[in-house]
Amino acid sequence: MTTTILLQAGGFGLQQLLPLGLIILVMYFFMIRPQMKKQKDQKKFADELKKGDKVITTAGLHGRIAEVNDTTIVIDTELGSKLRFDKSAISLDASKPLNTPAK
């Protein structure tokens, strides 16, 4: 009796769960997974920083690393001033060439 009522009402089957599952799967592969990879790469980059590397901070400051600590680094600027930054404030390595598209 209850099965006939559920069948008449449309039931709750695989056909209704499939679109929801596909949406979750697409969100994972296009949003969550790339963000996790980006965070992992940024952490690896920050851990590999060493004295003498030319870097650019997220604020746009260019300089050379003078000192590396556990969570902070000291950047020596062209004007001779030394500034302390958190490792997470370093956006990219300026000593390596950027990937620019060929013309």
N, C-alpha and C. Protein backbone atom coordinates (compact mmCIF):
# COMPACT_ATOMS: atom_id res chain seq x y z
N MET A 1 0.82 -1.20 0.00
CA MET A 1 0.00 0.00 0.00
C MET A 1 0.86 1.26 0.00
N THR A 2 1.83 1.29 0.91
CA THR A 2 2.68 2.50 0.95
C THR A 2 3.54 2.62 -0.29
N THR A 3 3.94 1.50 -0.87
CA THR A 3 4.76 1.57 -2.09
C THR A 3 3.95 2.14 -3.24
N THR A 4 2.71 1.81 -3.32
CA THR A 4 1.89 2.36 -4.40
C THR A 4 1.66 3.85 -4.20
N ILE A 5 1.54 4.29 -2.96
CA ILE A 5 1.38 5.73 -2.68
C ILE A 5 2.65 6.47 -3.07
N LEU A 6 3.83 5.91 -2.71
CA LEU A 6 5.10 6.55 -3.05
C LEU A 6 5.31 6.58 -4.56
N LEU A 7 4.94 5.50 -5.24
CA LEU A 7 5.09 5.47 -6.69
C LEU A 7 4.17 6.48 -7.37
N GLN A 8 2.98 6.66 -6.83
CA GLN A 8 2.04 7.62 -7.39
C GLN A 8 2.51 9.06 -7.12
N ALA A 9 3.15 9.27 -5.97
CA ALA A 9 3.61 10.61 -5.61
C ALA A 9 4.94 10.95 -6.29
N GLY A 10 5.55 10.01 -6.94
CA GLY A 10 6.82 10.29 -7.61
C GLY A 10 7.98 9.63 -6.89
N GLY A 11 7.81 9.27 -5.66
CA GLY A 11 8.86 8.58 -4.92
C GLY A 11 10.08 9.46 -4.67
N PHE A 12 11.07 8.84 -4.10
CA PHE A 12 12.32 9.52 -3.81
C PHE A 12 13.43 8.60 -4.29
N GLY A 13 13.77 8.73 -5.57
CA GLY A 13 14.68 7.78 -6.16
C GLY A 13 15.95 8.40 -6.66
N LEU A 14 16.66 7.62 -7.40
CA LEU A 14 17.94 8.02 -7.95
C LEU A 14 17.80 9.19 -8.92
N GLN A 15 16.69 9.26 -9.60
CA GLN A 15 16.49 10.34 -10.57
C GLN A 15 16.47 11.71 -9.89
N GLN A 16 16.07 11.77 -8.64
CA GLN A 16 16.04 13.05 -7.94
C GLN A 16 17.38 13.36 -7.28
N LEU A 17 18.17 12.35 -6.93
CA LEU A 17 19.46 12.57 -6.29
C LEU A 17 20.57 12.83 -7.30
N LEU A 18 20.43 12.33 -8.49
CA LEU A 18 21.46 12.45 -9.51
C LEU A 18 21.80 13.91 -9.84
N PRO A 19 20.86 14.79 -10.10
CA PRO A 19 21.22 16.19 -10.38
C PRO A 19 21.93 16.88 -9.22
N LEU A 20 21.48 16.60 -7.99
CA LEU A 20 22.12 17.18 -6.81
C LEU A 20 23.56 16.68 -6.69
N GLY A 21 23.76 15.40 -6.91
CA GLY A 21 25.10 14.83 -6.86
C GLY A 21 26.01 15.41 -7.92
N LEU A 22 25.48 15.63 -9.11
CA LEU A 22 26.27 16.22 -10.19
C LEU A 22 26.66 17.66 -9.87
N ILE A 23 25.76 18.41 -9.28
CA ILE A 23 26.05 19.79 -8.90
C ILE A 23 27.16 19.83 -7.87
N ILE A 24 27.10 18.96 -6.87
CA ILE A 24 28.14 18.90 -5.84
C ILE A 24 29.47 18.50 -6.46
N LEU A 25 29.47 17.55 -7.36
CA LEU A 25 30.69 17.10 -8.02
C LEU A 25 31.32 18.21 -8.85
N VAL A 26 30.51 18.94 -9.59
CA VAL A 26 31.02 20.05 -10.40
C VAL A 26 31.58 21.15 -9.51
N MET A 27 30.90 21.47 -8.42
CA MET A 27 31.40 22.48 -7.49
C MET A 27 32.75 22.07 -6.93
N TYR A 28 32.92 20.79 -6.61
CA TYR A 28 34.18 20.33 -6.04
C TYR A 28 35.31 20.49 -7.06
N PHE A 29 35.10 20.04 -8.29
CA PHE A 29 36.18 20.07 -9.27
C PHE A 29 36.47 21.46 -9.83
N PHE A 30 35.50 22.37 -9.83
CA PHE A 30 35.73 23.69 -10.40
C PHE A 30 35.96 24.78 -9.36
N MET A 31 35.63 24.54 -8.10
CA MET A 31 35.77 25.59 -7.10
C MET A 31 36.65 25.16 -5.92
N ILE A 32 36.33 24.08 -5.29
CA ILE A 32 37.01 23.69 -4.05
C ILE A 32 38.40 23.14 -4.32
N ARG A 33 38.52 22.21 -5.24
CA ARG A 33 39.81 21.56 -5.52
C ARG A 33 40.88 22.54 -6.02
N PRO A 34 40.58 23.45 -6.96
CA PRO A 34 41.62 24.41 -7.38
C PRO A 34 42.06 25.35 -6.25
N GLN A 35 41.13 25.73 -5.40
CA GLN A 35 41.48 26.61 -4.28
C GLN A 35 42.40 25.89 -3.30
N MET A 36 42.13 24.61 -3.03
CA MET A 36 42.99 23.84 -2.14
C MET A 36 44.38 23.68 -2.74
N LYS A 37 44.46 23.47 -4.04
CA LYS A 37 45.76 23.33 -4.71
C LYS A 37 46.53 24.64 -4.65
N LYS A 38 45.85 25.76 -4.84
CA LYS A 38 46.49 27.06 -4.79
C LYS A 38 47.05 27.34 -3.39
N GLN A 39 46.30 27.00 -2.36
CA GLN A 39 46.77 27.19 -0.99
C GLN A 39 47.98 26.32 -0.70
N LYS A 40 47.95 25.09 -1.19
CA LYS A 40 49.06 24.17 -0.99
C LYS A 40 50.32 24.68 -1.69
N ASP A 41 50.18 25.17 -2.92
CA ASP A 41 51.32 25.71 -3.65
C ASP A 41 51.88 26.96 -2.98
N GLN A 42 51.01 27.83 -2.45
CA GLN A 42 51.46 29.04 -1.77
C GLN A 42 52.23 28.70 -0.50
N LYS A 43 51.77 27.70 0.24
CA LYS A 43 52.46 27.28 1.46
C LYS A 43 53.83 26.70 1.12
N LYS A 44 53.88 25.89 0.07
CA LYS A 44 55.15 25.31 -0.36
C LYS A 44 56.11 26.41 -0.79
N PHE A 45 55.62 27.41 -1.52
CA PHE A 45 56.44 28.54 -1.95
C PHE A 45 57.00 29.29 -0.74
N ALA A 46 56.16 29.55 0.26
CA ALA A 46 56.59 30.29 1.44
C ALA A 46 57.63 29.50 2.24
N ASP A 47 57.48 28.18 2.27
CA ASP A 47 58.44 27.35 3.01
C ASP A 47 59.79 27.26 2.30
N GLU A 48 59.82 27.46 0.99
CA GLU A 48 61.06 27.35 0.22
C GLU A 48 61.82 28.66 0.07
N LEU A 49 61.30 29.75 0.66
CA LEU A 49 62.00 31.04 0.56
C LEU A 49 63.33 30.96 1.29
N LYS A 50 64.35 31.58 0.70
CA LYS A 50 65.67 31.56 1.32
C LYS A 50 66.33 32.93 1.17
N LYS A 51 67.37 33.15 1.93
CA LYS A 51 68.10 34.41 1.93
C LYS A 51 68.67 34.67 0.53
N GLY A 52 68.50 35.89 0.05
CA GLY A 52 69.01 36.29 -1.25
C GLY A 52 67.99 36.26 -2.37
N ASP A 53 66.82 35.64 -2.15
CA ASP A 53 65.78 35.59 -3.18
C ASP A 53 65.18 36.98 -3.39
N LYS A 54 64.95 37.34 -4.63
CA LYS A 54 64.23 38.58 -4.95
C LYS A 54 62.74 38.23 -4.91
N VAL A 55 61.96 39.04 -4.18
CA VAL A 55 60.54 38.76 -4.02
C VAL A 55 59.71 40.02 -4.19
N ILE A 56 58.42 39.81 -4.39
CA ILE A 56 57.44 40.89 -4.44
C ILE A 56 56.34 40.55 -3.44
N THR A 57 56.00 41.51 -2.59
CA THR A 57 54.95 41.26 -1.61
C THR A 57 53.58 41.49 -2.23
N THR A 58 52.54 41.12 -1.49
CA THR A 58 51.18 41.33 -1.97
C THR A 58 50.85 42.81 -2.09
N ALA A 59 51.58 43.65 -1.35
CA ALA A 59 51.37 45.10 -1.42
C ALA A 59 52.15 45.74 -2.56
N GLY A 60 53.02 44.96 -3.22
CA GLY A 60 53.76 45.47 -4.36
C GLY A 60 55.18 45.89 -4.05
N LEU A 61 55.68 45.64 -2.85
CA LEU A 61 57.04 46.00 -2.48
C LEU A 61 58.02 45.01 -3.09
N HIS A 62 59.05 45.53 -3.77
CA HIS A 62 60.08 44.70 -4.37
C HIS A 62 61.31 44.76 -3.48
N GLY A 63 61.96 43.62 -3.30
CA GLY A 63 63.18 43.60 -2.50
C GLY A 63 63.83 42.24 -2.49
N ARG A 64 64.91 42.14 -1.71
CA ARG A 64 65.67 40.91 -1.59
C ARG A 64 65.58 40.43 -0.14
N ILE A 65 65.41 39.12 0.05
CA ILE A 65 65.28 38.57 1.39
C ILE A 65 66.63 38.66 2.10
N ALA A 66 66.64 39.29 3.28
CA ALA A 66 67.85 39.43 4.07
C ALA A 66 67.89 38.41 5.21
N GLU A 67 66.71 38.00 5.68
CA GLU A 67 66.66 37.09 6.83
C GLU A 67 65.36 36.29 6.76
N VAL A 68 65.42 35.00 7.10
CA VAL A 68 64.24 34.15 7.10
C VAL A 68 64.07 33.55 8.49
N ASN A 69 62.89 33.73 9.08
CA ASN A 69 62.55 33.12 10.37
C ASN A 69 61.42 32.11 10.14
N ASP A 70 60.87 31.58 11.22
CA ASP A 70 59.80 30.58 11.09
C ASP A 70 58.57 31.14 10.40
N THR A 71 58.09 32.29 10.85
CA THR A 71 56.85 32.85 10.30
C THR A 71 57.05 34.19 9.61
N THR A 72 58.22 34.81 9.76
CA THR A 72 58.45 36.12 9.16
C THR A 72 59.73 36.11 8.33
N ILE A 73 59.85 37.14 7.50
CA ILE A 73 61.07 37.36 6.73
C ILE A 73 61.40 38.84 6.80
N VAL A 74 62.67 39.17 6.60
CA VAL A 74 63.11 40.56 6.54
C VAL A 74 63.53 40.83 5.10
N ILE A 75 62.96 41.88 4.52
CA ILE A 75 63.24 42.25 3.13
C ILE A 75 64.09 43.51 3.12
N ASP A 76 65.19 43.45 2.35
CA ASP A 76 66.07 44.59 2.16
C ASP A 76 65.66 45.27 0.85
N THR A 77 65.28 46.54 0.92
CA THR A 77 64.83 47.27 -0.26
C THR A 77 66.02 47.94 -0.95
N GLU A 78 65.79 48.51 -2.13
CA GLU A 78 66.86 49.17 -2.88
C GLU A 78 67.38 50.41 -2.16
N LEU A 79 66.56 51.04 -1.35
CA LEU A 79 66.97 52.23 -0.62
C LEU A 79 67.74 51.90 0.65
N GLY A 80 67.91 50.62 0.95
CA GLY A 80 68.69 50.21 2.10
C GLY A 80 67.89 49.97 3.36
N SER A 81 66.59 50.18 3.33
CA SER A 81 65.79 49.93 4.52
C SER A 81 65.42 48.45 4.60
N LYS A 82 65.26 47.97 5.82
CA LYS A 82 64.88 46.58 6.05
C LYS A 82 63.49 46.55 6.67
N LEU A 83 62.63 45.75 6.08
CA LEU A 83 61.24 45.65 6.53
C LEU A 83 60.91 44.20 6.85
N ARG A 84 60.16 43.99 7.93
CA ARG A 84 59.77 42.64 8.34
C ARG A 84 58.34 42.38 7.87
N PHE A 85 58.16 41.23 7.21
CA PHE A 85 56.86 40.82 6.70
C PHE A 85 56.56 39.40 7.15
N ASP A 86 55.29 39.08 7.21
CA ASP A 86 54.86 37.71 7.42
C ASP A 86 55.10 36.94 6.12
N LYS A 87 55.43 35.66 6.22
CA LYS A 87 55.70 34.86 5.02
C LYS A 87 54.51 34.83 4.07
N SER A 88 53.31 34.90 4.62
CA SER A 88 52.12 34.85 3.77
C SER A 88 51.94 36.11 2.93
N ALA A 89 52.70 37.17 3.22
CA ALA A 89 52.59 38.42 2.47
C ALA A 89 53.43 38.40 1.20
N ILE A 90 54.21 37.35 0.98
CA ILE A 90 55.03 37.27 -0.21
C ILE A 90 54.20 36.64 -1.32
N SER A 91 54.06 37.36 -2.44
CA SER A 91 53.19 36.85 -3.49
C SER A 91 53.94 36.07 -4.56
N LEU A 92 55.15 36.51 -4.95
CA LEU A 92 55.86 35.76 -5.97
C LEU A 92 57.35 36.01 -5.91
N ASP A 93 58.07 35.11 -6.55
CA ASP A 93 59.52 35.17 -6.60
C ASP A 93 59.92 35.97 -7.83
N ALA A 94 60.58 37.11 -7.64
CA ALA A 94 60.95 37.98 -8.75
C ALA A 94 62.24 37.54 -9.42
N SER A 95 62.98 36.61 -8.82
CA SER A 95 64.23 36.17 -9.44
C SER A 95 63.98 35.15 -10.54
N LYS A 96 62.81 34.54 -10.56
CA LYS A 96 62.45 33.60 -11.62
C LYS A 96 61.65 34.34 -12.68
N PRO A 97 61.87 34.03 -13.95
CA PRO A 97 61.10 34.73 -15.00
C PRO A 97 59.63 34.34 -14.96
N LEU A 98 58.79 35.32 -15.24
CA LEU A 98 57.35 35.07 -15.26
C LEU A 98 56.96 34.33 -16.52
N ASN A 99 55.90 33.58 -16.46
CA ASN A 99 55.37 32.90 -17.64
C ASN A 99 54.57 33.91 -18.45
N THR A 100 55.18 34.43 -19.50
CA THR A 100 54.48 35.37 -20.36
C THR A 100 54.15 34.69 -21.67
N PRO A 101 52.99 34.96 -22.23
CA PRO A 101 52.62 34.31 -23.49
C PRO A 101 53.50 34.77 -24.63
N ALA A 102 53.79 33.88 -25.55
CA ALA A 102 54.60 34.22 -26.71
C ALA A 102 53.80 35.06 -27.69
N LYS A 103 54.48 35.96 -28.36
CA LYS A 103 53.80 36.83 -29.33
C LYS A 103 53.95 36.30 -30.72
